[in-house]
Protein backbone atom coordinates (compact mmCIF):
# COMPACT_ATOMS: atom_id res chain seq x y z
CA UNK A 1 72.48 66.08 -61.50
CA UNK A 2 71.58 66.37 -65.39
CA UNK A 3 68.17 68.00 -64.29
CA UNK A 4 69.66 70.25 -61.53
CA UNK A 5 67.22 73.55 -61.31
CA UNK A 6 69.30 76.62 -61.18
CA UNK A 7 68.82 79.33 -59.05
CA UNK A 8 68.07 82.09 -61.72
CA UNK A 9 65.54 79.29 -63.27
CA UNK A 10 64.07 78.95 -59.86
CA UNK A 11 63.11 81.88 -59.54
CA UNK A 12 62.58 83.23 -63.10
CA UNK A 13 59.43 80.31 -63.51
CA UNK A 14 59.01 78.82 -59.93
CA UNK A 15 55.82 76.81 -61.69
CA UNK A 16 57.91 75.75 -64.14
CA UNK A 17 60.64 74.59 -61.95
CA UNK A 18 58.51 73.10 -60.06
CA UNK A 19 56.72 70.86 -62.67
CA UNK A 20 60.19 69.83 -63.97
CA UNK A 21 60.92 68.56 -60.02
CA UNK A 22 57.14 66.88 -60.58
CA UNK A 23 58.20 65.06 -63.32
CA UNK A 24 61.30 63.62 -61.89
CA UNK A 25 59.86 62.17 -59.32
CA UNK A 26 57.07 60.32 -60.66
CA UNK A 27 59.53 57.46 -60.68
CA UNK A 28 60.16 58.17 -57.17
CA UNK A 29 57.99 54.43 -56.28
CA UNK A 30 61.34 53.31 -58.03
CA UNK A 31 63.98 53.77 -54.73
CA UNK A 32 65.11 50.97 -52.94
CA UNK A 33 63.56 53.48 -50.23
CA UNK A 34 60.86 55.96 -50.75
CA UNK A 35 59.40 56.57 -47.82
CA UNK A 36 62.91 57.35 -45.93
CA UNK A 37 63.45 59.43 -48.88
CA UNK A 38 60.34 62.55 -48.39
CA UNK A 39 60.94 61.30 -44.51
CA UNK A 40 64.32 62.72 -45.12
CA UNK A 41 63.30 65.74 -47.46
CA UNK A 42 61.03 66.74 -44.97
CA UNK A 43 62.74 67.65 -42.78
CA UNK A 44 65.18 69.41 -44.40
CA UNK A 45 62.30 71.85 -45.87
CA UNK A 46 61.35 72.16 -42.47
CA UNK A 47 64.66 73.25 -41.60
CA UNK A 48 64.90 75.74 -44.84
CA UNK A 49 61.82 77.03 -43.44
CA UNK A 50 62.37 77.65 -40.00
CA UNK A 51 65.99 79.39 -40.87
CA UNK A 52 64.44 81.94 -43.40
CA UNK A 53 61.37 82.68 -41.05
CA UNK A 54 61.54 86.63 -41.10
CA UNK A 55 65.48 87.12 -42.77
CA UNK A 56 66.30 90.02 -44.48
CA UNK A 57 66.58 88.61 -48.02
CA UNK A 58 63.60 86.49 -48.44
CA UNK A 59 63.50 83.65 -51.25
CA UNK A 60 60.69 84.57 -53.88
CA UNK A 61 59.20 80.92 -52.98
CA UNK A 62 59.47 81.15 -50.21
CA UNK A 63 55.99 82.18 -48.57
CA UNK A 64 54.44 78.39 -51.24
CA UNK A 65 57.04 77.02 -49.46
CA UNK A 66 56.47 78.30 -45.72
CA UNK A 67 52.36 77.72 -46.87
CA UNK A 68 52.09 73.97 -47.64
CA UNK A 69 55.02 73.42 -44.26
CA UNK A 70 53.57 75.20 -42.05
CA UNK A 71 50.29 72.81 -44.13
CA UNK A 72 51.73 69.75 -43.18
CA UNK A 73 53.04 70.87 -39.55
CA UNK A 74 50.04 71.51 -38.84
CA UNK A 75 48.08 68.44 -39.90
CA UNK A 76 50.73 66.58 -38.35
CA UNK A 77 49.85 68.63 -34.99
CA UNK A 78 45.99 67.85 -36.53
CA UNK A 79 46.58 64.27 -36.11
CA UNK A 80 48.74 64.04 -33.10
CA UNK A 81 45.72 65.75 -30.33
CA UNK A 82 43.28 63.35 -32.59
CA UNK A 83 45.77 60.31 -30.91
CA UNK A 84 45.89 62.05 -27.55
CA UNK A 85 42.27 62.04 -27.15
CA UNK A 86 41.52 59.11 -28.60
CA UNK A 87 43.17 57.50 -25.45
CA UNK A 88 40.38 59.08 -23.01
């Protein structure tokens, strides 16, 4: 992949690396099944965060990834609980 972000680039300037990824993702809607792709990547991100949680050698932007994954999980939990409460 030509747009691949090197580890050193991501660690040196996480914001620039994120902007580079976001620019590439603008074409996501053109994929055959973008929702499936995003879902698969979210699963991978959650597993990545969980596998590095508490690790001795943390990557520098893992706290932001952990925060966003935790926020997503929290929002999904809220939706699940609201659905359960709506049943009663």
